Amino acid sequence: MAQHNILGTLGEKAACRYLAQKGYTLLDRNWRHEHLELDIVAEFYGEIIFVEVKTRSDEHFAPALSSIDDAKMENIRKAAGAYLRKHGLDQPARIDAIVVIGSEPPFEIRHYKGTTSDF
C-alpha cells in the first residue's frame, strides 16, 4: 500500500476515534454507492452526519479543507441522499469535514460542522 494510502487510513481511524469520544454513533465507514463514497456515516442526537475526512502530513502546500470543492460536495450530497434512501432514514442530516494533520499519531484533528440539509 502506498504511503499516502496508509496515512489516509490512519487519518480515518483517528477521525472515527475522535467522533466516538465525542459521543457520535458510527454507522458506516467507506460506504459506496456506484462510483461515490462516504468516508464516515455517524449519528449524533438523532441527526445523521456524513463526514468527509481529509488527511495531510502538513498543510504547507494548501489547506486540506480546500480540496473539498463544489464537485466533491455534489458527490457527497448524491451519496448521502442514496444512503438515506437505501436505509429508509427520514431524519435531519448534515455534511461535516474532519481534517487530520500529521505524519503519525497523535494527529491534530479539526472538525468542521455543516448545516442541516435536504438530500
Protein backbone atom coordinates (compact mmCIF):
# COMPACT_ATOMS: atom_id res chain seq x y z
CA MET A 1 0.00 0.00 0.00
CA ALA A 2 1.34 3.44 -0.91
CA GLN A 3 2.45 5.72 1.92
CA HIS A 4 -0.33 8.28 1.25
CA ASN A 5 -2.93 5.48 1.42
CA ILE A 6 -1.54 4.32 4.75
CA LEU A 7 -1.67 7.88 6.09
CA GLY A 8 -5.26 8.25 4.81
CA THR A 9 -6.30 5.06 6.57
CA LEU A 10 -4.67 6.21 9.82
CA GLY A 11 -6.43 9.56 9.47
CA GLU A 12 -9.84 7.94 9.02
CA LYS A 13 -9.25 5.73 12.06
CA ALA A 14 -8.26 8.80 14.09
CA ALA A 15 -11.41 10.60 12.89
CA CYS A 16 -13.56 7.62 13.93
CA ARG A 17 -11.95 7.58 17.40
CA TYR A 18 -12.47 11.34 17.71
CA LEU A 19 -16.16 11.07 16.80
CA ALA A 20 -16.72 8.13 19.15
CA GLN A 21 -15.08 10.06 22.00
CA LYS A 22 -17.43 12.97 21.29
CA GLY A 23 -20.48 10.70 21.61
CA TYR A 24 -21.23 10.03 17.94
CA THR A 25 -22.51 6.58 17.00
CA LEU A 26 -20.62 5.26 13.98
CA LEU A 27 -22.95 3.69 11.42
CA ASP A 28 -20.73 3.07 8.39
CA ARG A 29 -17.25 3.62 7.07
CA ASN A 30 -16.22 3.82 3.41
CA TRP A 31 -19.82 3.26 2.27
CA ARG A 32 -20.10 3.02 -1.51
CA HIS A 33 -22.88 3.74 -3.96
CA GLU A 34 -21.92 3.24 -7.61
CA HIS A 35 -18.77 5.37 -8.03
CA LEU A 36 -19.45 7.52 -4.94
CA GLU A 37 -18.12 7.02 -1.42
CA LEU A 38 -18.88 8.34 2.04
CA ASP A 39 -15.87 8.22 4.38
CA ILE A 40 -17.84 8.05 7.64
CA VAL A 41 -21.55 7.96 8.44
CA ALA A 42 -22.47 8.64 12.05
CA GLU A 43 -25.46 9.58 14.16
CA PHE A 44 -25.50 12.27 16.82
CA TYR A 45 -28.64 13.03 18.82
CA GLY A 46 -30.95 11.82 16.06
CA GLU A 47 -29.12 13.57 13.23
CA ILE A 48 -27.26 11.65 10.52
CA ILE A 49 -23.78 13.04 9.94
CA PHE A 50 -21.87 12.37 6.73
CA VAL A 51 -18.18 13.03 7.34
CA GLU A 52 -15.59 13.70 4.68
CA VAL A 53 -12.09 13.07 6.06
CA LYS A 54 -9.01 14.81 4.65
CA THR A 55 -5.64 13.69 5.99
CA ARG A 56 -2.41 15.53 5.26
CA SER A 57 1.07 15.24 6.71
CA ASP A 58 1.15 19.05 6.68
CA GLU A 59 -0.62 21.97 5.07
CA HIS A 60 2.38 23.77 3.60
CA PHE A 61 1.14 23.31 0.02
CA ALA A 62 -2.55 24.12 0.63
CA PRO A 63 -5.16 23.84 3.38
CA ALA A 64 -6.64 20.33 3.43
CA LEU A 65 -10.16 21.74 3.52
CA SER A 66 -9.61 23.44 0.15
CA SER A 67 -9.63 20.02 -1.53
CA ILE A 68 -13.37 19.76 -0.88
CA ASP A 69 -14.54 21.72 -3.89
CA ASP A 70 -18.05 22.15 -5.33
CA ALA A 71 -17.81 18.96 -7.40
CA LYS A 72 -16.73 16.94 -4.35
CA MET A 73 -19.58 18.41 -2.28
CA GLU A 74 -22.07 17.50 -5.01
CA ASN A 75 -20.80 13.90 -4.99
CA ILE A 76 -21.08 13.75 -1.20
CA ARG A 77 -24.66 15.10 -1.40
CA LYS A 78 -25.58 12.46 -4.00
CA ALA A 79 -24.05 9.67 -1.94
CA ALA A 80 -25.71 10.98 1.24
CA GLY A 81 -29.10 11.03 -0.47
CA ALA A 82 -28.57 7.47 -1.69
CA TYR A 83 -27.59 6.38 1.82
CA LEU A 84 -30.70 7.92 3.36
CA ARG A 85 -32.96 6.31 0.74
CA LYS A 86 -31.30 2.88 0.94
CA HIS A 87 -31.65 2.79 4.72
CA GLY A 88 -35.12 4.35 4.80
CA LEU A 89 -33.96 7.19 7.04
CA ASP A 90 -36.14 10.27 7.37
CA GLN A 91 -34.32 12.43 9.86
CA PRO A 92 -32.17 15.56 9.83
CA ALA A 93 -28.77 15.14 8.17
CA ARG A 94 -25.69 17.22 7.58
CA ILE A 95 -22.26 17.02 5.99
CA ASP A 96 -19.20 17.62 8.16
CA ALA A 97 -15.50 17.60 7.36
CA ILE A 98 -12.70 16.39 9.58
CA VAL A 99 -9.16 17.46 8.78
CA VAL A 100 -6.40 15.26 10.20
CA ILE A 101 -2.89 16.73 10.16
CA GLY A 102 0.35 14.91 10.94
CA SER A 103 2.62 12.11 9.79
CA GLU A 104 1.74 9.79 12.66
CA PRO A 105 -0.38 9.77 15.80
CA PRO A 106 -1.12 11.82 17.76
CA PHE A 107 -2.70 13.84 14.97
CA GLU A 108 -4.10 17.34 15.01
CA ILE A 109 -7.84 16.99 14.35
CA ARG A 110 -10.15 19.78 13.24
CA HIS A 111 -13.91 19.18 12.96
CA TYR A 112 -15.91 21.46 10.68
CA LYS A 113 -19.63 21.05 11.25
CA GLY A 114 -22.00 21.65 8.36
CA THR A 115 -25.60 22.72 8.49
CA THR A 116 -28.65 20.50 8.28
CA SER A 117 -29.53 19.97 4.62
CA ASP A 118 -32.12 18.38 2.38
CA PHE A 119 -30.83 15.49 0.30
